[in-house]
Amino acid sequence: MTQEVSEDAVGRRVCCDGERGTVRYVGTVPPTAGLWLGVEWDNADRGKHDGSHDGVRYFTCRHPTGGSFVRPKKASFGVDYLTALKQRYEVELQEVIGEEVKISTRTVMMVGFEGVKQKQRLENLTEIGLRRCEVCGPGPENEIRNTTPLAQSLDLSGNLLSSWEVVAAIAEQLNSLEILQLSHNRLSVSSKPSSLSPVFSCLRVLSLNSCALTWSQVLHCAAMWQKLEELYLADNDVTELLRPDHVLQTLRVVDLSKNQIVQETLLEISHLPRLENLNLSCTGLSVIQFTDVSAGNKTSSFPALKALFLDDNNISEWIVVNELEKLQCLVQLSCRRNPIIQKEKNPETSRQIFIARLSQLDLLDMRQIHADERRGAEIDYCKMFASAWLQAGGHSEPEKNQLSWEFITQHPRYLQLIHKYGVPNKDDVREEKPFALKNELLTVTFVCPEDADRKPIEKKLPGSMIVQKVKGLLHRLLKLPGAEFRLAYTCSKMAGREIEIDNDLKPLDFYSVEDGDNILVRWS
């Protein structure tokens, strides 16, 4: 804590009782005597007003209760990088070297651990963590370069850094710096960011979560980061996106989660040529639309995007999922806790529909999509919407198809799927949903196509019965206790096609086995 206040105190960062803020005013506040600091707190709940007192405005705040006055002696302006470094690492070293350890009944002192000393020496550190250490600046000139010359990763999150010039004064002494974490700081924007670009010439990963940044400020600063590959901007003030011309072109990963993004501006970042991973979770999105192409075609937007995170948004229509099928490279999607999930009573049904609508997906909501799951999902999808397909002009003979534009828009993959699995039979078409009631009984007929002497056996089985138990039943019915069964089934809706049942741990419902289907039994 300090009694004196330097001339450049306004704009500097302070810490008081664990809360961080920025000094906006230094001076008297009548009728009280003495010096006060007017502070705008990062946490608005810590403040009391907007910078005004008794009708007089002393400073301004972003939040109406974000400011308050504190005495200088109660505020810490922080310590330099080297002081924090030695406090953090040399104390840890002394704790290790000087530790007393009991071995049996004797107490010995841990001394002479040269390997530990060598590893802990500051000049050998490649990863440095100074999170919440009240770092405010670099310290003596060139001492960082001499003390931690090998640093490649530096965490300065939650400190008292006030500007990019201060950050640059630290980073310019770390020639190998590739990863920099600056989250939970408030950095004033540099007037000439391009002049600082040599300082960050090796920087690949930058974390700026919870820094109260707008997208315009990010673009202004981006001239500093010529080789940046990963940029984390969660929980900032990013709303309206602007196109990043001539900057950020090397980005592969962008995290914009927990920002209230204006969804109409999302496509402004769709031209980033190398962007592979985009996090838009908790951004208020309800619509994503690629208007450059029609349903069934691939968009030029986000040409390299492989992974997209849309958790905790307002997506409620399947047509939004259809739009994602237009992405050229999308293989991973997370869309948890969106209203669209509640459209189906069973979450697994929603998962099946996602899989069927997105042909290239390998990973959904952090769960791998295996070939048998995809096949089951796509077959279910064909059956589920067979009635709507017929009503919209679908026909078993492709040349007679006269599908409505509305159906094609709602189900752009449907024609592709029936070409893959066969046309649903017009007779007995009804809407089916995967994973129906567990206790629903299905009448199935077991047929042994390679043993003509065996008569077909009709049985009623619950759709929830797993394949392993079906095989156990067959061992008893066919009196073949040691046989290794291979199962498939046929149905009237897909005449002439056999669908393999190849996972012993899946229920019959998973394969969309229906009432009246034949289960083909072969063995060796």
Protein backbone atom coordinates (compact mmCIF):
# COMPACT_ATOMS: atom_id res chain seq x y z
CA MET A 1 0.00 0.00 0.00
CA THR A 2 1.21 3.51 -0.71
CA GLN A 3 0.91 6.97 0.87
CA GLU A 4 2.43 8.89 -2.05
CA VAL A 5 0.95 9.10 -5.54
CA SER A 6 3.10 9.53 -8.65
CA GLU A 7 2.32 12.14 -11.28
CA ASP A 8 1.32 9.48 -13.81
CA ALA A 9 -1.14 7.76 -11.47
CA VAL A 10 -4.20 8.49 -13.63
CA GLY A 11 -4.65 5.54 -15.96
CA ARG A 12 -2.62 3.18 -13.82
CA ARG A 13 -4.04 0.02 -12.35
CA VAL A 14 -4.52 -0.58 -8.63
CA CYS A 15 -5.58 -3.40 -6.35
CA CYS A 16 -7.56 -2.93 -3.16
CA ASP A 17 -8.85 -5.77 -0.98
CA GLY A 18 -8.44 -8.19 -3.88
CA GLU A 19 -10.38 -6.04 -6.36
CA ARG A 20 -8.67 -4.49 -9.39
CA GLY A 21 -9.47 -1.13 -10.95
CA THR A 22 -8.13 1.79 -12.97
CA VAL A 23 -7.31 5.19 -11.46
CA ARG A 24 -9.43 7.86 -13.17
CA TYR A 25 -8.86 10.77 -10.79
CA VAL A 26 -6.30 11.97 -8.24
CA GLY A 27 -7.11 14.92 -6.00
CA THR A 28 -9.29 16.25 -3.24
CA VAL A 29 -12.99 15.56 -2.74
CA PRO A 30 -14.55 18.37 -0.66
CA PRO A 31 -15.60 18.70 2.05
CA THR A 32 -13.14 15.99 3.15
CA ALA A 33 -9.45 16.79 3.54
CA GLY A 34 -6.55 14.97 1.97
CA LEU A 35 -5.89 13.13 -1.26
CA TRP A 36 -8.25 10.63 -2.87
CA LEU A 37 -8.02 8.21 -5.77
CA GLY A 38 -11.07 7.99 -8.00
CA VAL A 39 -11.14 4.37 -9.16
CA GLU A 40 -13.22 2.65 -11.83
CA TRP A 41 -13.46 -0.97 -10.71
CA ASP A 42 -13.37 -3.97 -13.04
CA ASN A 43 -16.15 -5.44 -10.92
CA ALA A 44 -18.94 -2.86 -10.94
CA ASP A 45 -20.39 -4.34 -7.74
CA ARG A 46 -17.31 -3.05 -5.89
CA GLY A 47 -18.18 0.57 -6.72
CA LYS A 48 -20.75 3.02 -5.36
CA HIS A 49 -21.32 5.65 -8.06
CA ASP A 50 -20.45 6.73 -11.61
CA GLY A 51 -17.65 9.14 -10.68
CA SER A 52 -19.90 11.90 -9.32
CA HIS A 53 -20.12 13.05 -5.71
CA ASP A 54 -22.50 15.65 -4.27
CA GLY A 55 -23.40 16.83 -7.77
CA VAL A 56 -19.79 17.23 -8.93
CA ARG A 57 -18.35 14.92 -11.59
CA TYR A 58 -14.75 13.90 -10.93
CA PHE A 59 -14.45 11.08 -13.50
CA THR A 60 -16.63 8.84 -15.68
CA CYS A 61 -17.34 5.10 -15.57
CA ARG A 62 -18.69 2.56 -18.01
CA HIS A 63 -21.13 1.34 -15.34
CA PRO A 64 -23.35 3.59 -13.17
CA THR A 65 -22.04 1.95 -9.99
CA GLY A 66 -18.51 1.19 -11.19
CA GLY A 67 -16.64 3.94 -9.32
CA SER A 68 -15.62 4.94 -5.83
CA PHE A 69 -13.00 6.97 -3.96
CA VAL A 70 -10.26 5.32 -1.91
CA ARG A 71 -7.35 6.68 0.07
CA PRO A 72 -3.94 6.10 -1.57
CA LYS A 73 -2.71 4.15 1.45
CA LYS A 74 -5.36 1.49 0.81
CA ALA A 75 -4.40 0.94 -2.82
CA SER A 76 -1.54 -1.09 -4.23
CA PHE A 77 -0.02 0.01 -7.54
CA GLY A 78 1.67 -3.38 -7.85
CA VAL A 79 5.21 -4.65 -8.29
CA ASP A 80 7.48 -5.07 -11.27
CA TYR A 81 7.86 -8.32 -13.21
CA LEU A 82 11.17 -9.30 -11.62
CA THR A 83 9.93 -8.76 -8.07
CA ALA A 84 6.86 -10.90 -8.73
CA LEU A 85 9.00 -13.53 -10.45
CA LYS A 86 11.38 -13.87 -7.53
CA GLN A 87 8.57 -13.85 -5.00
CA ARG A 88 6.80 -16.65 -6.85
CA TYR A 89 9.68 -18.90 -7.89
CA GLU A 90 12.46 -18.32 -5.38
CA VAL A 91 10.07 -18.81 -2.47
CA GLU A 92 8.94 -22.07 -4.04
CA LEU A 93 12.56 -23.13 -4.42
CA GLN A 94 13.37 -22.36 -0.79
CA GLU A 95 10.31 -24.33 0.32
CA VAL A 96 11.53 -27.36 -1.64
CA ILE A 97 15.20 -27.17 -0.63
CA GLY A 98 14.60 -26.37 3.02
CA GLU A 99 11.82 -28.86 3.67
CA GLU A 100 12.15 -31.21 6.63
CA VAL A 101 11.04 -34.76 5.91
CA LYS A 102 10.47 -37.63 8.36
CA ILE A 103 12.01 -40.93 7.32
CA SER A 104 11.04 -43.66 9.76
CA THR A 105 11.68 -42.06 13.18
CA ARG A 106 14.39 -39.65 12.04
CA THR A 107 13.94 -36.11 10.75
CA VAL A 108 16.29 -35.11 7.92
CA MET A 109 16.79 -31.89 5.94
CA MET A 110 16.32 -32.09 2.15
CA VAL A 111 19.62 -30.62 0.88
CA GLY A 112 21.82 -31.01 -2.17
CA PHE A 113 19.03 -31.54 -4.69
CA GLU A 114 20.96 -30.13 -7.63
CA GLY A 115 18.44 -31.51 -10.14
CA VAL A 116 15.63 -29.62 -8.45
CA LYS A 117 17.73 -26.48 -8.21
CA GLN A 118 18.67 -26.68 -11.85
CA LYS A 119 15.06 -27.09 -12.93
CA GLN A 120 13.90 -24.23 -10.72
CA ARG A 121 16.59 -21.77 -11.78
CA LEU A 122 14.91 -18.78 -13.31
CA GLU A 123 17.16 -18.72 -16.36
CA ASN A 124 15.99 -22.24 -17.29
CA LEU A 125 12.26 -21.55 -17.12
CA THR A 126 10.35 -21.92 -20.40
CA GLU A 127 6.86 -21.55 -18.87
CA ILE A 128 6.25 -18.70 -16.43
CA GLY A 129 3.05 -18.27 -14.43
CA LEU A 130 2.50 -14.92 -12.70
CA ARG A 131 -1.29 -14.94 -12.55
CA ARG A 132 -2.68 -12.43 -10.01
CA CYS A 133 0.75 -11.33 -8.78
CA GLU A 134 0.00 -7.57 -9.12
CA VAL A 135 2.57 -7.14 -11.91
CA CYS A 136 2.48 -3.55 -13.17
CA GLY A 137 5.63 -3.22 -15.29
CA PRO A 138 8.96 -4.71 -16.40
CA GLY A 139 11.39 -3.46 -13.74
CA PRO A 140 15.08 -2.58 -14.29
CA GLU A 141 16.16 -2.32 -17.92
CA ASN A 142 17.18 -5.59 -19.62
CA GLU A 143 16.94 -7.58 -16.38
CA ILE A 144 14.07 -9.72 -17.72
CA ARG A 145 16.24 -10.71 -20.69
CA ASN A 146 19.02 -11.74 -18.33
CA THR A 147 16.77 -13.49 -15.81
CA THR A 148 14.33 -15.54 -17.95
CA PRO A 149 15.86 -15.70 -21.44
CA LEU A 150 14.23 -19.01 -22.42
CA ALA A 151 10.60 -18.14 -21.65
CA GLN A 152 8.19 -19.34 -24.35
CA SER A 153 4.92 -19.16 -22.39
CA LEU A 154 3.96 -16.32 -20.03
CA ASP A 155 0.77 -15.99 -17.95
CA LEU A 156 0.12 -12.44 -16.75
CA SER A 157 -3.63 -12.84 -16.26
CA GLY A 158 -5.32 -10.76 -13.57
CA ASN A 159 -2.46 -8.31 -12.99
CA LEU A 160 -2.14 -4.51 -12.93
CA LEU A 161 -0.89 -3.94 -16.48
CA SER A 162 -2.27 -0.67 -17.83
CA SER A 163 -1.28 -0.51 -21.51
CA TRP A 164 0.08 -2.44 -24.47
CA GLU A 165 3.26 -0.38 -24.19
CA VAL A 166 3.82 -1.86 -20.72
CA VAL A 167 3.18 -5.37 -22.04
CA ALA A 168 5.58 -4.72 -24.91
CA ALA A 169 8.27 -3.54 -22.48
CA ILE A 170 8.12 -7.00 -20.89
CA ALA A 171 7.67 -9.03 -24.08
CA GLU A 172 10.50 -7.36 -26.00
CA GLN A 173 12.95 -8.97 -23.58
CA LEU A 174 11.56 -12.46 -24.23
CA ASN A 175 12.78 -13.32 -27.71
CA SER A 176 11.16 -16.78 -27.77
CA LEU A 177 7.73 -15.79 -26.45
CA GLU A 178 5.00 -17.78 -28.27
CA ILE A 179 2.14 -17.97 -25.74
CA LEU A 180 0.88 -14.93 -23.83
CA GLN A 181 -2.06 -14.86 -21.43
CA LEU A 182 -3.36 -11.40 -20.54
CA SER A 183 -6.92 -12.17 -19.48
CA HIS A 184 -8.56 -10.05 -16.75
CA ASN A 185 -6.44 -6.98 -17.46
CA ARG A 186 -7.52 -3.55 -18.74
CA LEU A 187 -5.06 -2.42 -21.39
CA SER A 188 -5.27 1.00 -23.01
CA VAL A 189 -5.00 0.75 -26.79
CA SER A 190 -1.72 1.74 -28.40
CA SER A 191 -1.82 4.74 -30.73
CA LYS A 192 0.69 3.05 -33.08
CA PRO A 193 0.19 -0.71 -32.75
CA SER A 194 2.19 -1.55 -35.88
CA SER A 195 5.31 -0.10 -34.24
CA LEU A 196 5.03 -2.82 -31.57
CA SER A 197 4.74 -5.72 -34.02
CA PRO A 198 8.47 -6.66 -33.86
CA VAL A 199 8.03 -7.28 -30.12
CA PHE A 200 5.39 -9.97 -30.78
CA SER A 201 7.01 -11.46 -33.88
CA CYS A 202 6.98 -15.01 -32.45
CA LEU A 203 3.58 -14.83 -30.74
CA ARG A 204 1.22 -17.67 -31.75
CA VAL A 205 -1.32 -17.83 -28.90
CA LEU A 206 -2.91 -14.82 -27.17
CA SER A 207 -5.55 -14.91 -24.44
CA LEU A 208 -7.52 -11.71 -23.79
CA ASN A 209 -10.59 -13.05 -22.00
CA SER A 210 -12.50 -10.57 -19.81
CA CYS A 211 -10.54 -7.49 -20.88
CA ALA A 212 -13.56 -5.26 -21.74
CA LEU A 213 -12.47 -5.12 -25.40
CA THR A 214 -14.64 -4.21 -28.37
CA TRP A 215 -14.10 -5.78 -31.78
CA SER A 216 -12.92 -2.44 -33.17
CA GLN A 217 -10.23 -2.31 -30.49
CA VAL A 218 -9.18 -5.87 -31.31
CA LEU A 219 -8.81 -4.99 -34.99
CA HIS A 220 -6.85 -1.86 -34.09
CA CYS A 221 -4.44 -3.89 -31.96
CA ALA A 222 -4.21 -6.76 -34.45
CA ALA A 223 -1.42 -5.04 -36.37
CA MET A 224 0.85 -6.11 -33.49
CA TRP A 225 0.17 -9.82 -33.98
CA GLN A 226 1.42 -10.72 -37.44
CA LYS A 227 1.79 -14.48 -36.86
CA LEU A 228 -1.02 -15.10 -34.38
CA GLU A 229 -2.74 -18.50 -34.70
CA GLU A 230 -5.01 -18.63 -31.63
CA LEU A 231 -6.98 -15.70 -30.18
CA TYR A 232 -9.20 -16.04 -27.09
CA LEU A 233 -11.68 -13.20 -26.53
CA ALA A 234 -14.35 -14.72 -24.27
CA ASP A 235 -16.44 -12.43 -22.07
CA ASN A 236 -15.54 -9.08 -23.63
CA ASP A 237 -17.61 -6.27 -25.16
CA VAL A 238 -17.56 -7.72 -28.67
CA THR A 239 -20.92 -7.06 -30.33
CA GLU A 240 -20.83 -5.88 -33.94
CA LEU A 241 -18.18 -7.67 -35.98
CA LEU A 242 -16.24 -5.92 -38.74
CA ARG A 243 -14.27 -7.57 -41.52
CA PRO A 244 -10.60 -8.04 -40.53
CA ASP A 245 -8.95 -6.85 -43.73
CA HIS A 246 -5.17 -7.36 -43.82
CA VAL A 247 -5.04 -8.49 -40.17
CA LEU A 248 -5.67 -11.77 -38.30
CA GLN A 249 -5.28 -13.70 -41.55
CA THR A 250 -3.15 -16.39 -39.87
CA LEU A 251 -5.75 -17.28 -37.21
CA ARG A 252 -6.71 -20.95 -36.82
CA VAL A 253 -8.62 -20.67 -33.51
CA VAL A 254 -10.97 -17.87 -32.36
CA ASP A 255 -12.98 -17.86 -29.13
CA LEU A 256 -15.80 -15.28 -29.04
CA SER A 257 -17.91 -17.03 -26.40
CA LYS A 258 -19.85 -14.99 -23.82
CA ASN A 259 -20.08 -11.94 -26.09
CA GLN A 260 -23.47 -10.64 -27.24
CA ILE A 261 -22.70 -10.72 -30.94
CA VAL A 262 -24.94 -9.03 -33.50
CA GLN A 263 -25.69 -12.17 -35.51
CA GLU A 264 -26.19 -10.27 -38.76
CA THR A 265 -22.48 -9.38 -38.64
CA LEU A 266 -21.19 -12.93 -38.12
CA LEU A 267 -20.23 -13.40 -41.76
CA GLU A 268 -17.79 -10.50 -41.49
CA ILE A 269 -15.24 -12.95 -40.09
CA SER A 270 -16.17 -15.76 -42.50
CA HIS A 271 -13.37 -14.85 -44.92
CA LEU A 272 -10.53 -15.71 -42.55
CA PRO A 273 -8.74 -18.22 -44.77
CA ARG A 274 -7.20 -20.48 -42.10
CA LEU A 275 -9.85 -20.42 -39.38
CA GLU A 276 -10.44 -24.03 -38.25
CA ASN A 277 -11.94 -23.69 -34.77
CA LEU A 278 -14.60 -21.11 -33.82
CA ASN A 279 -16.31 -20.81 -30.43
CA LEU A 280 -19.61 -18.89 -30.52
CA SER A 281 -21.10 -20.37 -27.35
CA CYS A 282 -23.31 -18.14 -25.21
CA THR A 283 -23.42 -15.33 -27.78
CA GLY A 284 -27.20 -15.07 -28.21
CA LEU A 285 -27.19 -16.55 -31.72
CA SER A 286 -30.48 -17.88 -33.07
CA VAL A 287 -29.82 -17.79 -36.83
CA ILE A 288 -26.88 -18.63 -39.06
CA GLN A 289 -27.43 -18.24 -42.79
CA PHE A 290 -25.19 -18.56 -45.83
CA THR A 291 -27.00 -16.78 -48.64
CA ASP A 292 -24.34 -17.25 -51.32
CA VAL A 293 -25.54 -20.80 -52.13
CA SER A 294 -28.80 -22.74 -52.08
CA ALA A 295 -29.58 -25.87 -50.05
CA GLY A 296 -27.40 -28.84 -50.96
CA ASN A 297 -24.41 -26.73 -52.04
CA LYS A 298 -21.24 -25.64 -50.26
CA THR A 299 -20.66 -22.05 -49.18
CA SER A 300 -17.46 -20.09 -49.68
CA SER A 301 -17.78 -18.78 -46.11
CA PHE A 302 -15.45 -20.19 -43.45
CA PRO A 303 -13.55 -22.26 -46.04
CA ALA A 304 -11.32 -24.04 -43.50
CA LEU A 305 -13.70 -24.32 -40.52
CA LYS A 306 -13.60 -27.80 -38.95
CA ALA A 307 -14.91 -27.26 -35.40
CA LEU A 308 -17.82 -25.02 -34.36
CA PHE A 309 -19.11 -24.50 -30.81
CA LEU A 310 -22.67 -23.15 -30.41
CA ASP A 311 -23.56 -24.19 -26.86
CA ASP A 312 -25.99 -22.12 -24.75
CA ASN A 313 -27.52 -20.12 -27.58
CA ASN A 314 -31.09 -19.55 -28.86
CA ILE A 315 -31.09 -21.94 -31.82
CA SER A 316 -34.59 -23.37 -32.12
CA GLU A 317 -35.07 -24.35 -35.79
CA TRP A 318 -33.65 -27.29 -37.74
CA ILE A 319 -33.20 -25.06 -40.76
CA VAL A 320 -30.24 -23.50 -38.91
CA VAL A 321 -28.64 -26.95 -38.72
CA ASN A 322 -29.27 -27.37 -42.45
CA GLU A 323 -27.23 -24.23 -43.04
CA LEU A 324 -24.26 -25.82 -41.27
CA GLU A 325 -24.30 -28.60 -43.88
CA LYS A 326 -23.18 -25.93 -46.37
CA LEU A 327 -19.81 -25.60 -44.60
CA GLN A 328 -17.07 -27.28 -46.61
CA CYS A 329 -14.98 -28.83 -43.83
CA LEU A 330 -17.15 -29.04 -40.68
CA VAL A 331 -16.45 -32.29 -38.79
CA GLN A 332 -17.01 -31.23 -35.15
CA LEU A 333 -20.06 -29.48 -33.69
CA SER A 334 -21.21 -28.72 -30.16
CA CYS A 335 -24.77 -27.41 -29.84
CA ARG A 336 -25.74 -28.27 -26.28
CA ARG A 337 -28.39 -26.46 -24.24
CA ASN A 338 -30.20 -24.87 -27.17
CA PRO A 339 -34.03 -24.78 -27.48
CA ILE A 340 -33.84 -27.08 -30.51
CA ILE A 341 -32.81 -29.95 -28.22
CA GLN A 342 -36.11 -29.70 -26.35
CA LYS A 343 -38.09 -30.11 -29.59
CA GLU A 344 -37.71 -33.86 -29.24
CA LYS A 345 -38.73 -35.66 -26.06
CA ASN A 346 -35.61 -37.81 -26.11
CA PRO A 347 -32.19 -36.08 -26.39
CA GLU A 348 -30.93 -39.08 -28.35
CA THR A 349 -33.58 -38.37 -30.99
CA SER A 350 -32.19 -34.86 -31.40
CA ARG A 351 -28.72 -36.30 -31.73
CA GLN A 352 -29.91 -38.67 -34.46
CA ILE A 353 -31.43 -35.79 -36.42
CA PHE A 354 -28.24 -33.71 -36.12
CA ILE A 355 -26.20 -36.63 -37.45
CA ALA A 356 -28.56 -37.29 -40.35
CA ARG A 357 -28.63 -33.63 -41.41
CA LEU A 358 -24.84 -33.11 -41.23
CA SER A 359 -23.08 -35.56 -43.53
CA GLN A 360 -19.43 -34.87 -42.62
CA LEU A 361 -19.76 -34.72 -38.84
CA ASP A 362 -17.39 -36.98 -36.86
CA LEU A 363 -17.86 -35.49 -33.38
CA LEU A 364 -21.12 -34.15 -31.93
CA ASP A 365 -21.31 -32.62 -28.45
CA MET A 366 -17.91 -34.14 -27.61
CA ARG A 367 -19.09 -37.67 -28.52
CA GLN A 368 -17.62 -39.60 -31.43
CA ILE A 369 -19.99 -40.59 -34.24
CA HIS A 370 -19.26 -44.15 -35.33
CA ALA A 371 -20.30 -45.64 -38.66
CA ASP A 372 -23.08 -47.78 -37.20
CA GLU A 373 -24.57 -44.80 -35.35
CA ARG A 374 -24.55 -42.71 -38.51
CA ARG A 375 -26.20 -45.48 -40.51
CA GLY A 376 -28.93 -45.94 -37.90
CA ALA A 377 -29.52 -42.19 -37.65
CA GLU A 378 -29.83 -41.75 -41.41
CA ILE A 379 -32.18 -44.71 -41.82
CA ASP A 380 -34.34 -43.41 -38.97
CA TYR A 381 -34.42 -40.00 -40.60
CA CYS A 382 -35.64 -41.48 -43.88
CA LYS A 383 -38.48 -43.25 -42.08
CA MET A 384 -39.34 -40.35 -39.81
CA PHE A 385 -40.02 -37.98 -42.69
CA ALA A 386 -41.21 -40.51 -45.29
CA SER A 387 -44.81 -39.38 -44.96
CA ALA A 388 -43.86 -35.72 -45.43
CA TRP A 389 -41.73 -36.72 -48.43
CA LEU A 390 -44.67 -38.43 -50.13
CA GLN A 391 -47.01 -35.55 -49.38
CA ALA A 392 -44.46 -33.12 -50.84
CA GLY A 393 -44.36 -34.96 -54.18
CA GLY A 394 -41.88 -37.74 -53.52
CA HIS A 395 -42.11 -40.84 -55.69
CA SER A 396 -40.46 -44.27 -55.74
CA GLU A 397 -39.44 -43.63 -59.35
CA PRO A 398 -36.85 -40.81 -59.32
CA GLU A 399 -37.97 -39.37 -62.65
CA LYS A 400 -41.44 -38.81 -61.20
CA ASN A 401 -40.21 -36.87 -58.17
CA GLN A 402 -41.78 -33.43 -58.00
CA LEU A 403 -40.68 -32.37 -54.56
CA SER A 404 -41.80 -29.00 -53.29
CA TRP A 405 -39.26 -26.27 -52.64
CA GLU A 406 -40.39 -26.18 -49.00
CA PHE A 407 -39.52 -29.85 -48.45
CA ILE A 408 -36.12 -29.52 -50.12
CA THR A 409 -35.37 -26.49 -47.94
CA GLN A 410 -36.41 -28.33 -44.78
CA HIS A 411 -34.69 -31.61 -45.71
CA PRO A 412 -31.86 -30.90 -48.18
CA ARG A 413 -30.20 -34.30 -47.59
CA TYR A 414 -33.33 -36.42 -47.98
CA LEU A 415 -32.89 -37.31 -51.66
CA GLN A 416 -29.25 -38.19 -51.03
CA LEU A 417 -30.26 -40.48 -48.16
CA ILE A 418 -32.98 -42.39 -50.02
CA HIS A 419 -30.54 -42.85 -52.89
CA LYS A 420 -28.16 -44.36 -50.34
CA TYR A 421 -30.65 -46.55 -48.44
CA GLY A 422 -33.55 -46.99 -50.82
CA VAL A 423 -36.94 -45.34 -51.30
CA PRO A 424 -39.46 -45.75 -48.45
CA ASN A 425 -42.43 -47.88 -49.43
CA LYS A 426 -45.61 -45.89 -49.94
CA ASP A 427 -47.60 -48.49 -48.01
CA ASP A 428 -47.52 -48.37 -44.24
CA VAL A 429 -45.56 -45.10 -44.14
CA ARG A 430 -45.85 -43.52 -40.75
CA GLU A 431 -43.75 -41.11 -38.74
CA GLU A 432 -41.24 -42.91 -36.60
CA LYS A 433 -38.86 -41.51 -34.09
CA PRO A 434 -35.76 -43.37 -32.92
CA PHE A 435 -35.68 -44.70 -29.41
CA ALA A 436 -39.44 -45.10 -28.97
CA LEU A 437 -41.01 -46.32 -25.73
CA LYS A 438 -38.77 -48.95 -24.21
CA ASN A 439 -41.57 -51.37 -23.54
CA GLU A 440 -43.11 -51.24 -27.05
CA LEU A 441 -43.21 -54.77 -28.44
CA LEU A 442 -42.18 -55.47 -32.02
CA THR A 443 -43.31 -58.52 -33.94
CA VAL A 444 -40.26 -59.78 -35.83
CA THR A 445 -39.59 -62.95 -37.79
CA PHE A 446 -36.27 -64.77 -37.51
CA VAL A 447 -35.26 -66.22 -40.89
CA CYS A 448 -32.24 -68.47 -41.57
CA PRO A 449 -31.47 -67.84 -45.28
CA GLU A 450 -28.58 -70.32 -45.36
CA ASP A 451 -30.56 -73.19 -43.78
CA ALA A 452 -33.70 -73.85 -45.82
CA ASP A 453 -34.80 -76.64 -43.47
CA ARG A 454 -35.36 -74.27 -40.58
CA LYS A 455 -38.77 -72.68 -40.45
CA PRO A 456 -39.13 -68.94 -39.75
CA ILE A 457 -39.80 -68.13 -36.09
CA GLU A 458 -42.04 -65.22 -35.15
CA LYS A 459 -41.43 -63.46 -31.82
CA LYS A 460 -42.56 -60.32 -29.99
CA LEU A 461 -39.56 -58.40 -28.64
CA PRO A 462 -39.20 -55.02 -26.92
CA GLY A 463 -37.50 -52.41 -29.09
CA SER A 464 -35.15 -51.70 -26.19
CA MET A 465 -33.77 -55.26 -26.23
CA ILE A 466 -30.04 -55.17 -26.94
CA VAL A 467 -28.55 -57.29 -29.71
CA GLN A 468 -26.53 -59.38 -27.26
CA LYS A 469 -29.74 -60.60 -25.60
CA VAL A 470 -31.32 -61.27 -28.99
CA LYS A 471 -28.39 -63.55 -29.79
CA GLY A 472 -28.81 -65.28 -26.43
CA LEU A 473 -32.46 -65.92 -27.31
CA LEU A 474 -31.42 -67.32 -30.69
CA HIS A 475 -29.00 -69.75 -29.06
CA ARG A 476 -31.98 -71.26 -27.23
CA LEU A 477 -34.49 -71.07 -30.10
CA LEU A 478 -32.16 -72.58 -32.69
CA LYS A 479 -30.40 -74.90 -30.23
CA LEU A 480 -26.98 -73.69 -31.34
CA PRO A 481 -25.30 -72.82 -28.02
CA GLY A 482 -21.78 -72.21 -29.38
CA ALA A 483 -22.63 -70.46 -32.63
CA GLU A 484 -21.35 -66.98 -33.51
CA PHE A 485 -24.36 -65.23 -35.01
CA ARG A 486 -24.29 -62.56 -37.72
CA LEU A 487 -27.53 -60.59 -37.89
CA ALA A 488 -29.15 -58.31 -40.45
CA TYR A 489 -32.71 -57.28 -41.14
CA THR A 490 -34.97 -56.43 -44.05
CA CYS A 491 -38.09 -54.31 -44.15
CA SER A 492 -40.81 -53.64 -46.70
CA LYS A 493 -39.91 -49.95 -46.93
CA MET A 494 -36.45 -50.76 -48.26
CA ALA A 495 -37.10 -53.87 -50.29
CA GLY A 496 -34.05 -55.74 -51.50
CA ARG A 497 -31.66 -54.23 -48.95
CA GLU A 498 -30.14 -55.93 -45.93
CA ILE A 499 -29.15 -53.73 -43.01
CA GLU A 500 -26.46 -55.17 -40.75
CA ILE A 501 -27.00 -55.43 -37.00
CA ASP A 502 -23.38 -55.47 -35.91
CA ASN A 503 -23.13 -53.97 -32.42
CA ASP A 504 -24.05 -56.30 -29.55
CA LEU A 505 -24.52 -53.42 -27.10
CA LYS A 506 -27.10 -51.49 -29.14
CA PRO A 507 -30.89 -51.97 -28.84
CA LEU A 508 -33.07 -53.01 -31.77
CA ASP A 509 -34.48 -49.48 -31.80
CA PHE A 510 -31.03 -48.17 -32.63
CA TYR A 511 -31.17 -50.01 -35.96
CA SER A 512 -34.78 -48.89 -36.57
CA VAL A 513 -36.11 -52.44 -36.53
CA GLU A 514 -39.89 -52.14 -36.87
CA ASP A 515 -42.97 -54.22 -36.36
CA GLY A 516 -43.17 -56.84 -39.13
CA ASP A 517 -39.48 -56.81 -40.11
CA ASN A 518 -37.47 -59.96 -40.81
CA ILE A 519 -34.24 -60.57 -38.90
CA LEU A 520 -31.83 -62.65 -40.97
CA VAL A 521 -29.74 -65.08 -38.92
CA ARG A 522 -26.44 -66.53 -40.14
CA TRP A 523 -23.79 -68.27 -38.09
CA SER A 524 -20.43 -69.95 -38.17
